[in-house]
Structure formats: structure tokens, C-alpha cells
Amino acid sequence: MPDPASDPRSIPQLIGDLATDVSSLVRKEAELVRAEFSEKTTQLLKAGGEMAGGAICLLAALIVLLQALVLALSKVMDPAWAALLVGVVVALVGVSLLRIGAKTAKPSNLTPERTTRQIEKDAQLVKEQVR
């Protein structure tokens, strides 16, 4: 680190340089935030499309399999009771999956961690430079 006594710049020049550096830092951090949010949004949209396609295929398969299960159970019980039993079990599974999915999609899982860490490092650096 250079010796402050040997720096030929005056106090107003140093303050001006600091203001310029802080302004540049804030601008670069804003660019980083925008880039990371854009990246996260693209990632979320792609994942949503893939999940929608998979869900449609699975829904079709599930309907066929559930019909087969109702038919199999109707061999040992009344068909209406078989359909009700299958419907209740599937509803319970569906509610459980929705709760798990909602927990996973919390906004806290979408925070820009790298940007937050970088801003904390930069704030610490600015504090050290001001001292």
C-alpha cells in the first residue's frame, strides 16, 4: 500500500477520486445484479417449461394407470368404492407434492448469492480505504 504522505494529490482530489471509484463500483455492481437476475430468470423459465412438458406427459400416464388400478380393484370391491379409494389416495399424494414444491420455490432460494457476497466484500474494502 502506498505511503499516504508521498501521495501528491490534495484532499479534494483524493475525495474526488474516491467518489469516482465508488460511483464506478456501484455501476459495476448494478451490472452484476442485472446479469445475475437475468441468468436466474432464464434458468427459472427454462425449468418451468421443462417441468410443464414433463407434467403433461406424466398426467396422461397417471390417468391411464389410475384407470387400470380402479379396474383391478373393482374385481375385489364395488367399482364406485374402488374409484373413491384411488381418488382419495391420489389427492393425498398431490397435496403432499404441492406442499413440497411450494417449499422449494420460496423466494429465498432465488436470491443472487454471488452479488450479495461481492457487495459485502466491496463495502468492506471501501470502509478500509476510508480509514
C-alpha atoms as a PDB file:
ATOM      1  CA  MET A   1       0.000   0.000   0.000  1.00  0.00           C
ATOM      2  CA  PRO A   2       1.462   3.409  -0.960  1.00  0.00           C
ATOM      3  CA  ASP A   3       2.568   5.785   1.729  1.00  0.00           C
ATOM      4  CA  PRO A   4      -0.170   8.458   2.176  1.00  0.00           C
ATOM      5  CA  ALA A   5       2.473  11.098   2.926  1.00  0.00           C
ATOM      6  CA  SER A   6       4.117  10.602  -0.504  1.00  0.00           C
ATOM      7  CA  ASP A   7       0.830  10.952  -2.442  1.00  0.00           C
ATOM      8  CA  PRO A   8       0.999  14.297  -4.335  1.00  0.00           C
ATOM      9  CA  ARG A   9      -2.800  14.587  -4.601  1.00  0.00           C
ATOM     10  CA  SER A  10      -4.658  17.045  -2.403  1.00  0.00           C
ATOM     11  CA  ILE A  11      -7.545  16.120  -0.079  1.00  0.00           C
ATOM     12  CA  PRO A  12     -10.178  17.389  -2.568  1.00  0.00           C
ATOM     13  CA  GLN A  13      -8.525  15.346  -5.319  1.00  0.00           C
ATOM     14  CA  LEU A  14      -8.498  12.255  -3.117  1.00  0.00           C
ATOM     15  CA  ILE A  15     -12.173  12.753  -2.251  1.00  0.00           C
ATOM     16  CA  GLY A  16     -12.967  13.255  -5.928  1.00  0.00           C
ATOM     17  CA  ASP A  17     -11.076  10.067  -6.823  1.00  0.00           C
ATOM     18  CA  LEU A  18     -12.896   8.196  -4.074  1.00  0.00           C
ATOM     19  CA  ALA A  19     -16.253   9.445  -5.340  1.00  0.00           C
ATOM     20  CA  THR A  20     -15.347   8.370  -8.878  1.00  0.00           C
ATOM     21  CA  ASP A  21     -14.189   4.950  -7.682  1.00  0.00           C
ATOM     22  CA  VAL A  22     -17.316   4.431  -5.559  1.00  0.00           C
ATOM     23  CA  SER A  23     -19.519   5.524  -8.464  1.00  0.00           C
ATOM     24  CA  SER A  24     -17.738   3.080 -10.774  1.00  0.00           C
ATOM     25  CA  LEU A  25     -18.033   0.335  -8.185  1.00  0.00           C
ATOM     26  CA  VAL A  26     -21.765   0.913  -7.729  1.00  0.00           C
ATOM     27  CA  ARG A  27     -22.277   0.911 -11.511  1.00  0.00           C
ATOM     28  CA  LYS A  28     -20.376  -2.369 -11.894  1.00  0.00           C
ATOM     29  CA  GLU A  29     -22.275  -3.945  -9.001  1.00  0.00           C
ATOM     30  CA  ALA A  30     -25.570  -2.885 -10.613  1.00  0.00           C
ATOM     31  CA  GLU A  31     -24.448  -4.530 -13.862  1.00  0.00           C
ATOM     32  CA  LEU A  32     -23.610  -7.691 -11.940  1.00  0.00           C
ATOM     33  CA  VAL A  33     -27.018  -7.690 -10.245  1.00  0.00           C
ATOM     34  CA  ARG A  34     -28.796  -7.251 -13.592  1.00  0.00           C
ATOM     35  CA  ALA A  35     -26.755 -10.015 -15.205  1.00  0.00           C
ATOM     36  CA  GLU A  36     -27.341 -12.430 -12.349  1.00  0.00           C
ATOM     37  CA  PHE A  37     -31.085 -11.710 -12.173  1.00  0.00           C
ATOM     38  CA  SER A  38     -31.311 -12.206 -15.925  1.00  0.00           C
ATOM     39  CA  GLU A  39     -29.460 -15.502 -15.606  1.00  0.00           C
ATOM     40  CA  LYS A  40     -31.741 -16.650 -12.769  1.00  0.00           C
ATOM     41  CA  THR A  41     -34.869 -15.618 -14.683  1.00  0.00           C
ATOM     42  CA  THR A  42     -33.778 -17.502 -17.789  1.00  0.00           C
ATOM     43  CA  GLN A  43     -32.963 -20.537 -15.656  1.00  0.00           C
ATOM     44  CA  LEU A  44     -36.371 -20.368 -13.969  1.00  0.00           C
ATOM     45  CA  LEU A  45     -38.251 -20.018 -17.271  1.00  0.00           C
ATOM     46  CA  LYS A  46     -36.382 -22.937 -18.836  1.00  0.00           C
ATOM     47  CA  ALA A  47     -37.021 -25.116 -15.798  1.00  0.00           C
ATOM     48  CA  GLY A  48     -40.700 -24.132 -15.820  1.00  0.00           C
ATOM     49  CA  GLY A  49     -41.079 -25.152 -19.456  1.00  0.00           C
ATOM     50  CA  GLU A  50     -39.365 -28.464 -18.873  1.00  0.00           C
ATOM     51  CA  MET A  51     -41.493 -29.130 -15.809  1.00  0.00           C
ATOM     52  CA  ALA A  52     -44.697 -28.277 -17.708  1.00  0.00           C
ATOM     53  CA  GLY A  53     -43.831 -30.681 -20.527  1.00  0.00           C
ATOM     54  CA  GLY A  54     -42.954 -33.420 -18.081  1.00  0.00           C
ATOM     55  CA  ALA A  55     -46.101 -32.800 -16.066  1.00  0.00           C
ATOM     56  CA  ILE A  56     -48.313 -33.121 -19.148  1.00  0.00           C
ATOM     57  CA  CYS A  57     -46.740 -36.477 -20.059  1.00  0.00           C
ATOM     58  CA  LEU A  58     -46.930 -37.734 -16.510  1.00  0.00           C
ATOM     59  CA  LEU A  59     -50.553 -36.635 -16.176  1.00  0.00           C
ATOM     60  CA  ALA A  60     -51.545 -38.645 -19.244  1.00  0.00           C
ATOM     61  CA  ALA A  61     -49.691 -41.706 -17.944  1.00  0.00           C
ATOM     62  CA  LEU A  62     -51.142 -41.276 -14.475  1.00  0.00           C
ATOM     63  CA  ILE A  63     -54.711 -41.150 -15.780  1.00  0.00           C
ATOM     64  CA  VAL A  64     -54.219 -44.396 -17.698  1.00  0.00           C
ATOM     65  CA  LEU A  65     -52.574 -46.105 -14.718  1.00  0.00           C
ATOM     66  CA  LEU A  66     -55.263 -44.936 -12.315  1.00  0.00           C
ATOM     67  CA  GLN A  67     -57.963 -46.262 -14.624  1.00  0.00           C
ATOM     68  CA  ALA A  68     -56.169 -49.606 -14.649  1.00  0.00           C
ATOM     69  CA  LEU A  69     -55.955 -49.554 -10.841  1.00  0.00           C
ATOM     70  CA  VAL A  70     -59.675 -48.805 -10.498  1.00  0.00           C
ATOM     71  CA  LEU A  71     -60.445 -51.680 -12.874  1.00  0.00           C
ATOM     72  CA  ALA A  72     -58.186 -54.032 -10.899  1.00  0.00           C
ATOM     73  CA  LEU A  73     -59.726 -53.019  -7.570  1.00  0.00           C
ATOM     74  CA  SER A  74     -63.243 -53.365  -8.979  1.00  0.00           C
ATOM     75  CA  LYS A  75     -62.566 -57.108  -9.213  1.00  0.00           C
ATOM     76  CA  VAL A  76     -62.461 -57.293  -5.394  1.00  0.00           C
ATOM     77  CA  MET A  77     -64.820 -54.437  -4.395  1.00  0.00           C
ATOM     78  CA  ASP A  78     -67.627 -52.323  -5.754  1.00  0.00           C
ATOM     79  CA  PRO A  79     -66.342 -50.157  -8.657  1.00  0.00           C
ATOM     80  CA  ALA A  80     -67.614 -46.948  -7.014  1.00  0.00           C
ATOM     81  CA  TRP A  81     -65.654 -47.684  -3.839  1.00  0.00           C
ATOM     82  CA  ALA A  82     -62.593 -48.593  -5.902  1.00  0.00           C
ATOM     83  CA  ALA A  83     -62.766 -45.257  -7.738  1.00  0.00           C
ATOM     84  CA  LEU A  84     -63.260 -43.357  -4.466  1.00  0.00           C
ATOM     85  CA  LEU A  85     -60.315 -45.108  -2.800  1.00  0.00           C
ATOM     86  CA  VAL A  86     -57.994 -44.407  -5.724  1.00  0.00           C
ATOM     87  CA  GLY A  87     -59.178 -40.788  -5.920  1.00  0.00           C
ATOM     88  CA  VAL A  88     -58.536 -40.126  -2.225  1.00  0.00           C
ATOM     89  CA  VAL A  89     -55.055 -41.668  -2.306  1.00  0.00           C
ATOM     90  CA  VAL A  90     -54.095 -39.684  -5.420  1.00  0.00           C
ATOM     91  CA  ALA A  91     -55.440 -36.460  -3.863  1.00  0.00           C
ATOM     92  CA  LEU A  92     -53.312 -37.009  -0.742  1.00  0.00           C
ATOM     93  CA  VAL A  93     -50.208 -37.601  -2.849  1.00  0.00           C
ATOM     94  CA  GLY A  94     -50.999 -34.480  -4.901  1.00  0.00           C
ATOM     95  CA  VAL A  95     -51.364 -32.277  -1.833  1.00  0.00           C
ATOM     96  CA  SER A  96     -48.063 -33.563  -0.460  1.00  0.00           C
ATOM     97  CA  LEU A  97     -46.266 -32.836  -3.745  1.00  0.00           C
ATOM     98  CA  LEU A  98     -47.728 -29.324  -3.941  1.00  0.00           C
ATOM     99  CA  ARG A  99     -46.508 -28.528  -0.430  1.00  0.00           C
ATOM    100  CA  ILE A 100     -43.007 -29.801  -1.208  1.00  0.00           C
ATOM    101  CA  GLY A 101     -42.914 -27.807  -4.464  1.00  0.00           C
ATOM    102  CA  ALA A 102     -44.086 -24.609  -2.766  1.00  0.00           C
ATOM    103  CA  LYS A 103     -41.407 -25.014  -0.113  1.00  0.00           C
ATOM    104  CA  THR A 104     -38.720 -25.477  -2.776  1.00  0.00           C
ATOM    105  CA  ALA A 105     -39.850 -22.430  -4.796  1.00  0.00           C
ATOM    106  CA  LYS A 106     -39.515 -19.960  -1.913  1.00  0.00           C
ATOM    107  CA  PRO A 107     -38.085 -16.594  -2.963  1.00  0.00           C
ATOM    108  CA  SER A 108     -35.122 -17.115  -0.627  1.00  0.00           C
ATOM    109  CA  ASN A 109     -33.902 -19.858  -2.977  1.00  0.00           C
ATOM    110  CA  LEU A 110     -33.724 -17.353  -5.830  1.00  0.00           C
ATOM    111  CA  THR A 111     -31.535 -14.725  -4.185  1.00  0.00           C
ATOM    112  CA  PRO A 112     -28.353 -13.637  -6.018  1.00  0.00           C
ATOM    113  CA  GLU A 113     -25.752 -15.051  -3.608  1.00  0.00           C
ATOM    114  CA  ARG A 114     -22.668 -14.089  -5.643  1.00  0.00           C
ATOM    115  CA  THR A 115     -23.755 -10.473  -5.946  1.00  0.00           C
ATOM    116  CA  THR A 116     -24.539 -10.263  -2.245  1.00  0.00           C
ATOM    117  CA  ARG A 117     -21.108 -11.639  -1.343  1.00  0.00           C
ATOM    118  CA  GLN A 118     -19.390  -9.263  -3.762  1.00  0.00           C
ATOM    119  CA  ILE A 119     -21.231  -6.218  -2.425  1.00  0.00           C
ATOM    120  CA  GLU A 120     -20.268  -7.179   1.141  1.00  0.00           C
ATOM    121  CA  LYS A 121     -16.615  -7.507   0.077  1.00  0.00           C
ATOM    122  CA  ASP A 122     -16.732  -4.162  -1.719  1.00  0.00           C
ATOM    123  CA  ALA A 123     -18.332  -2.428   1.261  1.00  0.00           C
ATOM    124  CA  GLN A 124     -15.584  -3.788   3.490  1.00  0.00           C
ATOM    125  CA  LEU A 125     -12.933  -2.591   1.014  1.00  0.00           C
ATOM    126  CA  VAL A 126     -14.455   0.911   0.920  1.00  0.00           C
ATOM    127  CA  LYS A 127     -14.513   1.024   4.739  1.00  0.00           C
ATOM    128  CA  GLU A 128     -10.845   0.082   4.841  1.00  0.00           C
ATOM    129  CA  GLN A 129      -9.953   2.698   2.214  1.00  0.00           C
ATOM    130  CA  VAL A 130     -11.779   5.460   4.099  1.00  0.00           C
ATOM    131  CA  ARG A 131      -9.891   4.764   7.337  1.00  0.00           C
END
